[in-house]
Amino acid sequence: MSNKELVRYLINEGILKSPIIIEAFSNIDRKLFIWPGYEKYAYDDTPLPLGDTGQTISAPHMHAYMTEALSPRPGETYLEIGGGSGYQAAILAYIVSKDSSRGFVYSIEIEPRLVKFATGNIYKVGVYNRVKIIYGDGSLGWPPYYKGYLYDGIIVTAAAPRVLDTWLYQLKIGGRLVIPIGRGYFQDLIKVTRVDEKRFKEEFLLKCAFVPLRGRLGWKD
């Protein structure tokens, strides 16, 4: 199987829909973001381990679902909580940089080995100048605890105990937050849209399975 065939599969399944998102998945080869030793599974629709870090690169269909839900557009600014191997950040960076001199992705990763791994992977594709992989505690937002309209969207790639104020504070009006909530084998994938300064609209998307969110405001055990 090839990256092209993987994208065709996601289109045929009705998961990938938006032309610019399809273009991003077509141009960002998932194989470049797979942990060494797992390359032969790069185009399987399944999550894969990232070494012994306890973290994974999500299944392609989940990246596709979440990206479609986030509805990224050229010129926008995004925050990713849980950088992993850098794949999701690269997809977003491709989109925000399309035909735009603006647009940027900040990706926070709490595992130092993955910060190094993701940074190296980002340099394999042509979006390295639109992404910054940051070592830190993503549960606190970025910058930590900052209150202000920073991001058009935030994507969380680990299951959180709840929607955290530290993220909501940093969404622009109209900004979207896509996040798995809960613990156990399955969690709820939620989309939150900031309606105005004080109001947020929450929407259930589907059931999902993610590793637990680490950090000061993540799970405690």
N, C-alpha and C. Protein backbone atom coordinates (compact mmCIF):
# COMPACT_ATOMS: atom_id res chain seq x y z
N MET A 1 0.85 -1.20 0.00
CA MET A 1 0.00 0.00 0.00
C MET A 1 0.89 1.24 0.00
N SER A 2 0.42 2.31 -0.57
CA SER A 2 1.16 3.57 -0.65
C SER A 2 0.38 4.68 0.05
N ASN A 3 1.01 5.84 0.22
CA ASN A 3 0.31 6.97 0.82
C ASN A 3 -0.87 7.39 -0.06
N LYS A 4 -0.68 7.32 -1.38
CA LYS A 4 -1.76 7.65 -2.31
C LYS A 4 -2.96 6.73 -2.12
N GLU A 5 -2.69 5.45 -1.94
CA GLU A 5 -3.77 4.48 -1.73
C GLU A 5 -4.45 4.70 -0.38
N LEU A 6 -3.67 5.08 0.63
CA LEU A 6 -4.25 5.38 1.94
C LEU A 6 -5.22 6.55 1.84
N VAL A 7 -4.82 7.59 1.14
CA VAL A 7 -5.69 8.76 0.97
C VAL A 7 -6.95 8.38 0.20
N ARG A 8 -6.80 7.57 -0.83
CA ARG A 8 -7.97 7.13 -1.60
C ARG A 8 -8.93 6.34 -0.71
N TYR A 9 -8.39 5.50 0.15
CA TYR A 9 -9.21 4.73 1.09
C TYR A 9 -9.99 5.67 2.01
N LEU A 10 -9.33 6.69 2.56
CA LEU A 10 -9.99 7.62 3.48
C LEU A 10 -11.06 8.44 2.77
N ILE A 11 -10.85 8.73 1.50
CA ILE A 11 -11.88 9.42 0.71
C ILE A 11 -13.07 8.50 0.47
N ASN A 12 -12.78 7.28 0.07
CA ASN A 12 -13.85 6.31 -0.22
C ASN A 12 -14.69 5.99 1.01
N GLU A 13 -14.04 6.05 2.19
CA GLU A 13 -14.76 5.80 3.44
C GLU A 13 -15.60 7.01 3.88
N GLY A 14 -15.48 8.10 3.15
CA GLY A 14 -16.24 9.30 3.48
C GLY A 14 -15.67 10.09 4.63
N ILE A 15 -14.40 9.85 4.96
CA ILE A 15 -13.76 10.54 6.10
C ILE A 15 -13.06 11.80 5.63
N LEU A 16 -12.23 11.69 4.60
CA LEU A 16 -11.61 12.86 3.99
C LEU A 16 -12.58 13.44 2.98
N LYS A 17 -12.87 14.76 3.10
CA LYS A 17 -13.87 15.39 2.24
C LYS A 17 -13.38 16.71 1.63
N SER A 18 -12.71 17.50 2.42
CA SER A 18 -12.34 18.85 1.99
C SER A 18 -11.14 18.81 1.06
N PRO A 19 -11.21 19.49 -0.09
CA PRO A 19 -10.09 19.45 -1.05
C PRO A 19 -8.74 19.82 -0.45
N ILE A 20 -8.68 20.85 0.36
CA ILE A 20 -7.39 21.28 0.90
C ILE A 20 -6.85 20.27 1.91
N ILE A 21 -7.74 19.59 2.64
CA ILE A 21 -7.30 18.57 3.59
C ILE A 21 -6.84 17.33 2.84
N ILE A 22 -7.55 16.96 1.78
CA ILE A 22 -7.12 15.84 0.94
C ILE A 22 -5.75 16.13 0.36
N GLU A 23 -5.53 17.35 -0.09
CA GLU A 23 -4.23 17.74 -0.64
C GLU A 23 -3.13 17.61 0.41
N ALA A 24 -3.42 18.02 1.63
CA ALA A 24 -2.43 17.93 2.70
C ALA A 24 -2.07 16.48 2.99
N PHE A 25 -3.07 15.61 3.13
CA PHE A 25 -2.80 14.20 3.38
C PHE A 25 -2.06 13.55 2.22
N SER A 26 -2.28 14.04 1.02
CA SER A 26 -1.60 13.49 -0.16
C SER A 26 -0.14 13.89 -0.20
N ASN A 27 0.16 15.08 0.32
CA ASN A 27 1.52 15.60 0.22
C ASN A 27 2.38 15.32 1.45
N ILE A 28 1.75 14.99 2.58
CA ILE A 28 2.50 14.66 3.79
C ILE A 28 2.45 13.14 3.96
N ASP A 29 3.56 12.49 3.66
CA ASP A 29 3.62 11.03 3.65
C ASP A 29 3.73 10.50 5.09
N ARG A 30 2.75 9.71 5.49
CA ARG A 30 2.73 9.20 6.87
C ARG A 30 3.97 8.38 7.21
N LYS A 31 4.54 7.73 6.22
CA LYS A 31 5.69 6.86 6.47
C LYS A 31 6.87 7.63 7.06
N LEU A 32 6.96 8.91 6.76
CA LEU A 32 8.07 9.73 7.26
C LEU A 32 7.95 10.02 8.75
N PHE A 33 6.81 9.66 9.35
CA PHE A 33 6.55 9.98 10.76
C PHE A 33 6.38 8.74 11.63
N ILE A 34 6.75 7.59 11.07
CA ILE A 34 6.61 6.33 11.78
C ILE A 34 7.89 6.00 12.55
N TRP A 35 7.74 5.45 13.74
CA TRP A 35 8.90 5.07 14.56
C TRP A 35 9.68 3.96 13.84
N PRO A 36 11.02 4.03 13.87
CA PRO A 36 11.82 3.00 13.20
C PRO A 36 11.43 1.58 13.62
N GLY A 37 11.29 0.72 12.62
CA GLY A 37 10.89 -0.66 12.86
C GLY A 37 9.44 -0.94 12.53
N TYR A 38 8.65 0.13 12.37
CA TYR A 38 7.22 -0.03 12.08
C TYR A 38 6.85 0.48 10.69
N GLU A 39 7.86 0.76 9.87
CA GLU A 39 7.59 1.38 8.57
C GLU A 39 6.65 0.56 7.68
N LYS A 40 6.70 -0.76 7.78
CA LYS A 40 5.86 -1.58 6.90
C LYS A 40 4.37 -1.44 7.22
N TYR A 41 4.05 -0.86 8.38
CA TYR A 41 2.65 -0.64 8.77
C TYR A 41 2.21 0.81 8.54
N ALA A 42 3.05 1.59 7.88
CA ALA A 42 2.81 3.03 7.78
C ALA A 42 1.46 3.38 7.17
N TYR A 43 1.00 2.58 6.23
CA TYR A 43 -0.24 2.91 5.52
C TYR A 43 -1.43 2.06 5.96
N ASP A 44 -1.25 1.31 7.04
CA ASP A 44 -2.37 0.60 7.64
C ASP A 44 -3.21 1.59 8.46
N ASP A 45 -4.51 1.39 8.46
CA ASP A 45 -5.37 2.30 9.21
C ASP A 45 -5.44 1.86 10.67
N THR A 46 -4.32 2.06 11.35
CA THR A 46 -4.20 1.63 12.74
C THR A 46 -3.22 2.53 13.47
N PRO A 47 -3.40 2.75 14.79
CA PRO A 47 -2.38 3.47 15.55
C PRO A 47 -1.11 2.62 15.67
N LEU A 48 0.02 3.29 15.82
CA LEU A 48 1.30 2.60 15.95
C LEU A 48 2.08 3.19 17.12
N PRO A 49 2.83 2.35 17.85
CA PRO A 49 3.59 2.85 19.00
C PRO A 49 4.74 3.74 18.57
N LEU A 50 5.05 4.69 19.43
CA LEU A 50 6.21 5.55 19.24
C LEU A 50 7.29 5.10 20.22
N GLY A 51 7.97 4.03 19.84
CA GLY A 51 8.99 3.44 20.71
C GLY A 51 8.41 2.99 22.03
N ASP A 52 9.15 3.22 23.11
CA ASP A 52 8.68 2.83 24.44
C ASP A 52 8.21 4.04 25.24
N THR A 53 7.76 5.09 24.53
CA THR A 53 7.33 6.32 25.21
C THR A 53 5.94 6.19 25.83
N GLY A 54 5.21 5.13 25.46
CA GLY A 54 3.84 4.99 25.91
C GLY A 54 2.86 5.78 25.07
N GLN A 55 3.34 6.40 24.01
CA GLN A 55 2.49 7.20 23.14
C GLN A 55 2.44 6.57 21.76
N THR A 56 1.49 7.03 20.95
CA THR A 56 1.27 6.44 19.63
C THR A 56 1.08 7.53 18.59
N ILE A 57 1.24 7.15 17.33
CA ILE A 57 0.73 7.95 16.22
C ILE A 57 -0.66 7.38 15.94
N SER A 58 -1.66 8.24 15.94
CA SER A 58 -3.04 7.78 15.79
C SER A 58 -3.27 7.12 14.44
N ALA A 59 -4.35 6.35 14.35
CA ALA A 59 -4.75 5.76 13.08
C ALA A 59 -5.05 6.88 12.08
N PRO A 60 -4.75 6.65 10.80
CA PRO A 60 -5.00 7.69 9.79
C PRO A 60 -6.44 8.20 9.78
N HIS A 61 -7.41 7.30 9.98
CA HIS A 61 -8.80 7.78 9.95
C HIS A 61 -9.08 8.78 11.07
N MET A 62 -8.40 8.62 12.22
CA MET A 62 -8.62 9.55 13.33
C MET A 62 -7.99 10.91 13.04
N HIS A 63 -6.79 10.90 12.45
CA HIS A 63 -6.20 12.17 12.00
C HIS A 63 -7.15 12.88 11.03
N ALA A 64 -7.72 12.09 10.12
CA ALA A 64 -8.62 12.67 9.11
C ALA A 64 -9.88 13.23 9.75
N TYR A 65 -10.53 12.46 10.63
CA TYR A 65 -11.72 12.93 11.33
C TYR A 65 -11.45 14.25 12.06
N MET A 66 -10.36 14.27 12.82
CA MET A 66 -10.08 15.44 13.65
C MET A 66 -9.72 16.65 12.82
N THR A 67 -8.98 16.44 11.74
CA THR A 67 -8.63 17.57 10.88
C THR A 67 -9.86 18.14 10.21
N GLU A 68 -10.74 17.27 9.72
CA GLU A 68 -11.99 17.74 9.11
C GLU A 68 -12.84 18.50 10.13
N ALA A 69 -12.90 18.01 11.36
CA ALA A 69 -13.68 18.68 12.40
C ALA A 69 -13.10 20.04 12.75
N LEU A 70 -11.79 20.14 12.71
CA LEU A 70 -11.11 21.40 13.04
C LEU A 70 -11.32 22.46 11.97
N SER A 71 -11.50 22.02 10.71
CA SER A 71 -11.74 22.92 9.57
C SER A 71 -10.66 23.99 9.42
N PRO A 72 -9.39 23.58 9.33
CA PRO A 72 -8.31 24.56 9.20
C PRO A 72 -8.32 25.25 7.84
N ARG A 73 -7.86 26.50 7.83
CA ARG A 73 -7.81 27.29 6.62
C ARG A 73 -6.46 27.98 6.49
N PRO A 74 -6.06 28.32 5.26
CA PRO A 74 -4.79 29.02 5.05
C PRO A 74 -4.72 30.31 5.86
N GLY A 75 -3.52 30.59 6.37
CA GLY A 75 -3.28 31.83 7.10
C GLY A 75 -3.64 31.79 8.57
N GLU A 76 -4.20 30.67 9.05
CA GLU A 76 -4.63 30.59 10.45
C GLU A 76 -3.50 30.09 11.35
N THR A 77 -3.74 30.20 12.66
CA THR A 77 -2.77 29.78 13.66
C THR A 77 -3.39 28.70 14.55
N TYR A 78 -2.62 27.63 14.77
CA TYR A 78 -3.15 26.48 15.51
C TYR A 78 -2.21 26.06 16.62
N LEU A 79 -2.80 25.44 17.64
CA LEU A 79 -2.05 24.84 18.73
C LEU A 79 -2.39 23.36 18.77
N GLU A 80 -1.37 22.53 18.83
CA GLU A 80 -1.57 21.09 19.00
C GLU A 80 -1.07 20.69 20.38
N ILE A 81 -1.89 19.97 21.12
CA ILE A 81 -1.50 19.45 22.42
C ILE A 81 -1.15 17.97 22.24
N GLY A 82 0.12 17.64 22.33
CA GLY A 82 0.60 16.28 22.12
C GLY A 82 1.18 16.12 20.72
N GLY A 83 2.42 16.54 20.56
CA GLY A 83 3.03 16.56 19.22
C GLY A 83 3.31 15.19 18.64
N GLY A 84 3.57 14.20 19.51
CA GLY A 84 3.86 12.85 19.03
C GLY A 84 5.00 12.83 18.03
N SER A 85 4.76 12.27 16.86
CA SER A 85 5.80 12.15 15.84
C SER A 85 5.84 13.34 14.90
N GLY A 86 4.91 14.28 15.06
CA GLY A 86 4.88 15.47 14.22
C GLY A 86 3.94 15.39 13.03
N TYR A 87 3.27 14.26 12.84
CA TYR A 87 2.43 14.07 11.65
C TYR A 87 1.25 15.03 11.59
N GLN A 88 0.49 15.12 12.68
CA GLN A 88 -0.67 16.02 12.68
C GLN A 88 -0.24 17.47 12.51
N ALA A 89 0.84 17.86 13.15
CA ALA A 89 1.34 19.23 13.01
C ALA A 89 1.73 19.53 11.57
N ALA A 90 2.34 18.55 10.90
CA ALA A 90 2.73 18.73 9.50
C ALA A 90 1.52 18.89 8.60
N ILE A 91 0.48 18.09 8.84
CA ILE A 91 -0.76 18.21 8.07
C ILE A 91 -1.34 19.62 8.22
N LEU A 92 -1.43 20.10 9.45
CA LEU A 92 -1.99 21.43 9.69
C LEU A 92 -1.11 22.52 9.08
N ALA A 93 0.21 22.36 9.21
CA ALA A 93 1.12 23.36 8.67
C ALA A 93 1.01 23.47 7.16
N TYR A 94 0.82 22.34 6.50
CA TYR A 94 0.64 22.36 5.05
C TYR A 94 -0.58 23.20 4.69
N ILE A 95 -1.66 23.02 5.43
CA ILE A 95 -2.91 23.72 5.13
C ILE A 95 -2.79 25.22 5.41
N VAL A 96 -2.27 25.59 6.59
CA VAL A 96 -2.24 27.00 6.95
C VAL A 96 -1.26 27.79 6.08
N SER A 97 -0.27 27.11 5.51
CA SER A 97 0.73 27.80 4.68
C SER A 97 0.32 27.87 3.21
N LYS A 98 -0.76 27.21 2.82
CA LYS A 98 -1.17 27.15 1.42
C LYS A 98 -1.56 28.54 0.91
N ASP A 99 -0.81 29.01 -0.09
CA ASP A 99 -1.11 30.31 -0.71
C ASP A 99 -1.20 31.44 0.31
N SER A 100 -0.41 31.35 1.37
CA SER A 100 -0.46 32.38 2.41
C SER A 100 0.93 32.59 2.99
N SER A 101 1.27 33.83 3.25
CA SER A 101 2.55 34.14 3.90
C SER A 101 2.42 34.06 5.41
N ARG A 102 1.17 33.91 5.87
CA ARG A 102 0.93 33.77 7.31
C ARG A 102 0.57 32.31 7.61
N GLY A 103 0.15 32.06 8.82
CA GLY A 103 -0.23 30.71 9.23
C GLY A 103 0.91 30.00 9.93
N PHE A 104 0.59 29.45 11.11
CA PHE A 104 1.64 28.79 11.90
C PHE A 104 1.00 27.77 12.83
N VAL A 105 1.79 26.74 13.18
CA VAL A 105 1.35 25.68 14.09
C VAL A 105 2.34 25.56 15.23
N TYR A 106 1.85 25.66 16.46
CA TYR A 106 2.64 25.40 17.66
C TYR A 106 2.21 24.03 18.18
N SER A 107 3.18 23.17 18.42
CA SER A 107 2.88 21.81 18.86
C SER A 107 3.64 21.53 20.16
N ILE A 108 2.90 21.24 21.23
CA ILE A 108 3.49 21.04 22.55
C ILE A 108 3.60 19.54 22.83
N GLU A 109 4.77 19.10 23.23
CA GLU A 109 5.01 17.69 23.52
C GLU A 109 5.72 17.56 24.87
N ILE A 110 5.21 16.67 25.73
CA ILE A 110 5.74 16.54 27.09
C ILE A 110 6.86 15.52 27.19
N GLU A 111 7.03 14.68 26.17
CA GLU A 111 8.08 13.65 26.16
C GLU A 111 9.28 14.15 25.37
N PRO A 112 10.44 14.36 26.03
CA PRO A 112 11.60 14.95 25.35
C PRO A 112 12.05 14.17 24.11
N ARG A 113 11.98 12.84 24.17
CA ARG A 113 12.42 12.05 23.01
C ARG A 113 11.55 12.30 21.80
N LEU A 114 10.27 12.55 22.03
CA LEU A 114 9.37 12.80 20.91
C LEU A 114 9.53 14.22 20.37
N VAL A 115 9.92 15.16 21.22
CA VAL A 115 10.23 16.51 20.73
C VAL A 115 11.33 16.43 19.68
N LYS A 116 12.37 15.68 20.00
CA LYS A 116 13.48 15.52 19.06
C LYS A 116 13.05 14.75 17.81
N PHE A 117 12.28 13.69 18.01
CA PHE A 117 11.82 12.86 16.89
C PHE A 117 10.92 13.66 15.95
N ALA A 118 9.95 14.36 16.53
CA ALA A 118 9.02 15.14 15.71
C ALA A 118 9.72 16.27 14.97
N THR A 119 10.64 16.94 15.63
CA THR A 119 11.37 18.03 14.98
C THR A 119 12.14 17.52 13.77
N GLY A 120 12.80 16.39 13.93
CA GLY A 120 13.52 15.80 12.81
C GLY A 120 12.59 15.41 11.67
N ASN A 121 11.42 14.89 12.01
CA ASN A 121 10.46 14.49 10.98
C ASN A 121 9.91 15.69 10.21
N ILE A 122 9.64 16.77 10.93
CA ILE A 122 9.12 17.97 10.29
C ILE A 122 10.09 18.47 9.21
N TYR A 123 11.38 18.32 9.47
CA TYR A 123 12.39 18.79 8.50
C TYR A 123 12.45 17.92 7.26
N LYS A 124 11.79 16.77 7.27
CA LYS A 124 11.75 15.91 6.08
C LYS A 124 10.74 16.40 5.05
N VAL A 125 9.81 17.24 5.48
CA VAL A 125 8.77 17.75 4.59
C VAL A 125 8.90 19.26 4.49
N GLY A 126 8.19 19.85 3.57
CA GLY A 126 8.43 21.26 3.26
C GLY A 126 7.69 22.27 4.10
N VAL A 127 7.41 21.94 5.35
CA VAL A 127 6.63 22.86 6.19
C VAL A 127 7.38 23.25 7.47
N TYR A 128 8.68 22.96 7.52
CA TYR A 128 9.44 23.16 8.76
C TYR A 128 9.44 24.61 9.23
N ASN A 129 9.24 25.56 8.29
CA ASN A 129 9.24 26.97 8.68
C ASN A 129 7.88 27.44 9.17
N ARG A 130 6.89 26.52 9.23
CA ARG A 130 5.55 26.88 9.70
C ARG A 130 5.15 26.08 10.94
N VAL A 131 6.10 25.38 11.54
CA VAL A 131 5.81 24.56 12.71
C VAL A 131 6.91 24.76 13.76
N LYS A 132 6.51 24.82 15.02
CA LYS A 132 7.47 24.80 16.11
C LYS A 132 7.05 23.71 17.09
N ILE A 133 7.92 22.71 17.28
CA ILE A 133 7.68 21.66 18.27
C ILE A 133 8.29 22.12 19.59
N ILE A 134 7.49 22.22 20.62
CA ILE A 134 7.91 22.80 21.88
C ILE A 134 7.85 21.75 22.98
N TYR A 135 8.90 21.67 23.78
CA TYR A 135 8.89 20.79 24.95
C TYR A 135 8.16 21.50 26.09
N GLY A 136 7.09 20.89 26.57
CA GLY A 136 6.36 21.54 27.64
C GLY A 136 5.11 20.76 28.02
N ASP A 137 4.34 21.34 28.93
CA ASP A 137 3.11 20.76 29.46
C ASP A 137 1.93 21.37 28.72
N GLY A 138 1.41 20.66 27.75
CA GLY A 138 0.33 21.19 26.93
C GLY A 138 -0.97 21.42 27.68
N SER A 139 -1.14 20.79 28.83
CA SER A 139 -2.38 20.99 29.59
C SER A 139 -2.52 22.43 30.06
N LEU A 140 -1.43 23.17 30.06
CA LEU A 140 -1.43 24.55 30.55
C LEU A 140 -1.66 25.56 29.44
N GLY A 141 -1.81 25.08 28.19
CA GLY A 141 -1.89 25.98 27.05
C GLY A 141 -0.52 26.48 26.66
N TRP A 142 -0.47 27.34 25.66
CA TRP A 142 0.81 27.93 25.25
C TRP A 142 0.60 29.36 24.78
N PRO A 143 1.32 30.33 25.38
CA PRO A 143 2.16 30.18 26.57
C PRO A 143 1.34 29.71 27.77
N PRO A 144 1.99 29.07 28.76
CA PRO A 144 1.26 28.51 29.89
C PRO A 144 0.39 29.55 30.60
N TYR A 145 -0.89 29.22 30.79
CA TYR A 145 -1.85 30.01 31.53
C TYR A 145 -2.17 31.37 30.88
N TYR A 146 -1.69 31.61 29.68
CA TYR A 146 -1.95 32.90 29.03
C TYR A 146 -3.44 33.01 28.69
N LYS A 147 -4.01 34.19 28.91
CA LYS A 147 -5.40 34.45 28.57
C LYS A 147 -5.45 35.48 27.44
N GLY A 148 -5.90 35.06 26.29
CA GLY A 148 -5.97 35.97 25.15
C GLY A 148 -6.33 35.21 23.89
N TYR A 149 -6.80 35.93 22.88
CA TYR A 149 -7.26 35.31 21.64
C TYR A 149 -6.06 34.99 20.74
N LEU A 150 -5.53 33.78 20.86
CA LEU A 150 -4.31 33.40 20.13
C LEU A 150 -4.56 32.50 18.94
N TYR A 151 -5.49 31.55 19.07
CA TYR A 151 -5.56 30.46 18.11
C TYR A 151 -6.92 30.35 17.42
N ASP A 152 -6.85 30.08 16.12
CA ASP A 152 -8.05 29.77 15.35
C ASP A 152 -8.55 28.36 15.66
N GLY A 153 -7.66 27.53 16.14
CA GLY A 153 -8.06 26.18 16.51
C GLY A 153 -7.03 25.52 17.41
N ILE A 154 -7.50 24.60 18.23
CA ILE A 154 -6.64 23.79 19.10
C ILE A 154 -7.06 22.34 18.93
N ILE A 155 -6.08 21.47 18.73
CA ILE A 155 -6.34 20.04 18.60
C ILE A 155 -5.59 19.32 19.70
N VAL A 156 -6.29 18.46 20.42
CA VAL A 156 -5.70 17.73 21.54
C VAL A 156 -5.65 16.26 21.16
N THR A 157 -4.46 15.67 21.20
CA THR A 157 -4.28 14.30 20.73
C THR A 157 -4.03 13.32 21.86
N ALA A 158 -4.57 13.64 23.03
CA ALA A 158 -4.57 12.72 24.18
C ALA A 158 -5.86 12.97 24.94
N ALA A 159 -6.38 11.91 25.57
CA ALA A 159 -7.69 12.01 26.24
C ALA A 159 -7.57 12.79 27.55
N ALA A 160 -8.33 13.86 27.65
CA ALA A 160 -8.27 14.74 28.81
C ALA A 160 -9.40 14.43 29.80
N PRO A 161 -9.23 14.81 31.07
CA PRO A 161 -10.31 14.60 32.05
C PRO A 161 -11.54 15.46 31.74
N ARG A 162 -11.31 16.63 31.11
CA ARG A 162 -12.38 17.58 30.81
C ARG A 162 -11.83 18.62 29.84
N VAL A 163 -12.70 19.47 29.34
CA VAL A 163 -12.26 20.61 28.52
C VAL A 163 -11.64 21.63 29.48
N LEU A 164 -10.39 21.96 29.29
CA LEU A 164 -9.66 22.81 30.23
C LEU A 164 -9.80 24.29 29.88
N ASP A 165 -9.99 25.11 30.89
CA ASP A 165 -10.07 26.56 30.69
C ASP A 165 -8.79 27.12 30.07
N THR A 166 -7.66 26.50 30.37
CA THR A 166 -6.39 26.99 29.83
C THR A 166 -6.39 26.97 28.31
N TRP A 167 -7.16 26.07 27.71
CA TRP A 167 -7.30 26.04 26.25
C TRP A 167 -8.38 26.99 25.78
N LEU A 168 -9.51 26.99 26.47
CA LEU A 168 -10.63 27.85 26.06
C LEU A 168 -10.23 29.33 26.08
N TYR A 169 -9.43 29.72 27.07
CA TYR A 169 -8.99 31.11 27.17
C TYR A 169 -8.22 31.56 25.93
N GLN A 170 -7.57 30.62 25.24
CA GLN A 170 -6.67 30.97 24.15
C GLN A 170 -7.31 30.86 22.77
N LEU A 171 -8.57 30.47 22.70
CA LEU A 171 -9.29 30.41 21.43
C LEU A 171 -9.78 31.79 21.01
N LYS A 172 -9.64 32.08 19.73
CA LYS A 172 -10.25 33.29 19.18
C LYS A 172 -11.77 33.09 19.08
N ILE A 173 -12.50 34.18 18.93
CA ILE A 173 -13.93 34.08 18.66
C ILE A 173 -14.10 33.30 17.34
N GLY A 174 -14.93 32.27 17.38
CA GLY A 174 -15.09 31.41 16.21
C GLY A 174 -14.09 30.28 16.15
N GLY A 175 -13.15 30.26 17.08
CA GLY A 175 -12.13 29.22 17.12
C GLY A 175 -12.71 27.88 17.53
N ARG A 176 -12.06 26.80 17.06
CA ARG A 176 -12.53 25.44 17.32
C ARG A 176 -11.51 24.65 18.14
N LEU A 177 -12.03 23.87 19.07
CA LEU A 177 -11.22 22.95 19.87
C LEU A 177 -11.74 21.55 19.63
N VAL A 178 -10.87 20.64 19.19
CA VAL A 178 -11.24 19.24 18.97
C VAL A 178 -10.45 18.41 19.96
N ILE A 179 -11.16 17.60 20.77
CA ILE A 179 -10.51 16.97 21.91
C ILE A 179 -11.23 15.69 22.33
N PRO A 180 -10.47 14.63 22.66
CA PRO A 180 -11.08 13.44 23.28
C PRO A 180 -11.20 13.65 24.79
N ILE A 181 -12.36 13.30 25.33
CA ILE A 181 -12.63 13.48 26.75
C ILE A 181 -13.00 12.13 27.37
N GLY A 182 -12.39 11.84 28.54
CA GLY A 182 -12.77 10.64 29.27
C GLY A 182 -11.61 9.69 29.46
N ARG A 183 -11.90 8.57 30.13
CA ARG A 183 -10.88 7.55 30.40
C ARG A 183 -11.48 6.17 30.16
N GLY A 184 -10.64 5.18 30.10
CA GLY A 184 -11.12 3.85 29.74
C GLY A 184 -10.79 3.58 28.29
N TYR A 185 -11.29 2.46 27.78
CA TYR A 185 -10.92 2.06 26.42
C TYR A 185 -11.44 3.03 25.37
N PHE A 186 -12.66 3.57 25.57
CA PHE A 186 -13.23 4.53 24.64
C PHE A 186 -13.49 5.85 25.33
N GLN A 187 -13.31 6.93 24.57
CA GLN A 187 -13.62 8.28 25.05
C GLN A 187 -14.55 8.97 24.04
N ASP A 188 -15.00 10.15 24.41
CA ASP A 188 -15.85 10.96 23.53
C ASP A 188 -15.00 12.00 22.81
N LEU A 189 -15.08 12.03 21.49
CA LEU A 189 -14.42 13.09 20.73
C LEU A 189 -15.40 14.26 20.65
N ILE A 190 -14.95 15.42 21.14
CA ILE A 190 -15.80 16.60 21.29
C ILE A 190 -15.23 17.75 20.45
N LYS A 191 -16.14 18.53 19.89
CA LYS A 191 -15.75 19.78 19.23
C LYS A 191 -16.38 20.94 20.00
N VAL A 192 -15.56 21.90 20.38
CA VAL A 192 -16.02 23.08 21.09
C VAL A 192 -15.73 24.30 20.22
N THR A 193 -16.73 25.14 19.99
CA THR A 193 -16.56 26.36 19.20
C THR A 193 -16.81 27.56 20.09
N ARG A 194 -15.90 28.52 20.04
CA ARG A 194 -16.08 29.74 20.84
C ARG A 194 -17.04 30.68 20.12
N VAL A 195 -18.20 30.91 20.71
CA VAL A 195 -19.23 31.74 20.10
C VAL A 195 -18.95 33.22 20.31
N ASP A 196 -18.58 33.59 21.52
CA ASP A 196 -18.20 34.96 21.84
C ASP A 196 -17.28 34.92 23.05
N GLU A 197 -17.10 36.04 23.71
CA GLU A 197 -16.14 36.10 24.82
C GLU A 197 -16.43 35.08 25.91
N LYS A 198 -17.70 34.82 26.18
CA LYS A 198 -18.06 33.98 27.31
C LYS A 198 -18.76 32.68 26.93
N ARG A 199 -19.25 32.55 25.71
CA ARG A 199 -20.07 31.40 25.35
C ARG A 199 -19.33 30.44 24.41
N PHE A 200 -19.54 29.15 24.69
CA PHE A 200 -18.92 28.09 23.91
C PHE A 200 -19.98 27.06 23.53
N LYS A 201 -19.93 26.59 22.30
CA LYS A 201 -20.85 25.55 21.84
C LYS A 201 -20.12 24.22 21.78
N GLU A 202 -20.71 23.20 22.41
CA GLU A 202 -20.06 21.88 22.47
C GLU A 202 -20.86 20.87 21.64
N GLU A 203 -20.13 20.04 20.89
CA GLU A 203 -20.76 19.06 20.01
C GLU A 203 -20.05 17.71 20.13
N PHE A 204 -20.81 16.65 20.35
CA PHE A 204 -20.24 15.30 20.35
C PHE A 204 -20.05 14.84 18.91
N LEU A 205 -18.86 14.27 18.63
CA LEU A 205 -18.56 13.82 17.28
C LEU A 205 -18.64 12.30 17.14
N LEU A 206 -17.88 11.58 17.97
CA LEU A 206 -17.86 10.12 17.88
C LEU A 206 -17.09 9.54 19.05
N LYS A 207 -17.13 8.22 19.18
CA LYS A 207 -16.31 7.53 20.17
C LYS A 207 -14.90 7.34 19.61
N CYS A 208 -13.91 7.34 20.48
CA CYS A 208 -12.53 7.23 20.03
C CYS A 208 -11.69 6.57 21.13
N ALA A 209 -10.42 6.34 20.82
CA ALA A 209 -9.51 5.72 21.79
C ALA A 209 -8.15 6.41 21.72
N PHE A 210 -7.76 7.07 22.81
CA PHE A 210 -6.49 7.79 22.89
C PHE A 210 -5.76 7.46 24.19
N VAL A 211 -4.47 7.71 24.20
CA VAL A 211 -3.70 7.60 25.43
C VAL A 211 -4.09 8.76 26.35
N PRO A 212 -3.93 8.61 27.68
CA PRO A 212 -4.33 9.67 28.61
C PRO A 212 -3.45 10.91 28.50
N LEU A 213 -4.05 12.06 28.74
CA LEU A 213 -3.31 13.31 28.78
C LEU A 213 -2.43 13.38 30.01
N ARG A 214 -1.16 13.66 29.79
CA ARG A 214 -0.21 13.87 30.89
C ARG A 214 -0.09 15.37 31.19
N GLY A 215 0.50 15.69 32.34
CA GLY A 215 0.70 17.09 32.67
C GLY A 215 -0.01 17.48 33.95
N ARG A 216 0.20 18.72 34.37
CA ARG A 216 -0.32 19.21 35.64
C ARG A 216 -1.84 19.14 35.72
N LEU A 217 -2.53 19.38 34.58
CA LEU A 217 -3.99 19.35 34.57
C LEU A 217 -4.53 18.10 33.87
N GLY A 218 -3.65 17.15 33.62
CA GLY A 218 -4.06 15.89 33.02
C GLY A 218 -4.46 14.89 34.09
N TRP A 219 -4.45 13.62 33.71
CA TRP A 219 -4.82 12.55 34.66
C TRP A 219 -3.72 12.40 35.71
N LYS A 220 -4.12 12.13 36.93
CA LYS A 220 -3.17 12.07 38.05
C LYS A 220 -2.59 10.69 38.30
N ASP A 221 -3.15 9.65 37.69
CA ASP A 221 -2.60 8.31 37.90
C ASP A 221 -2.67 7.51 36.61
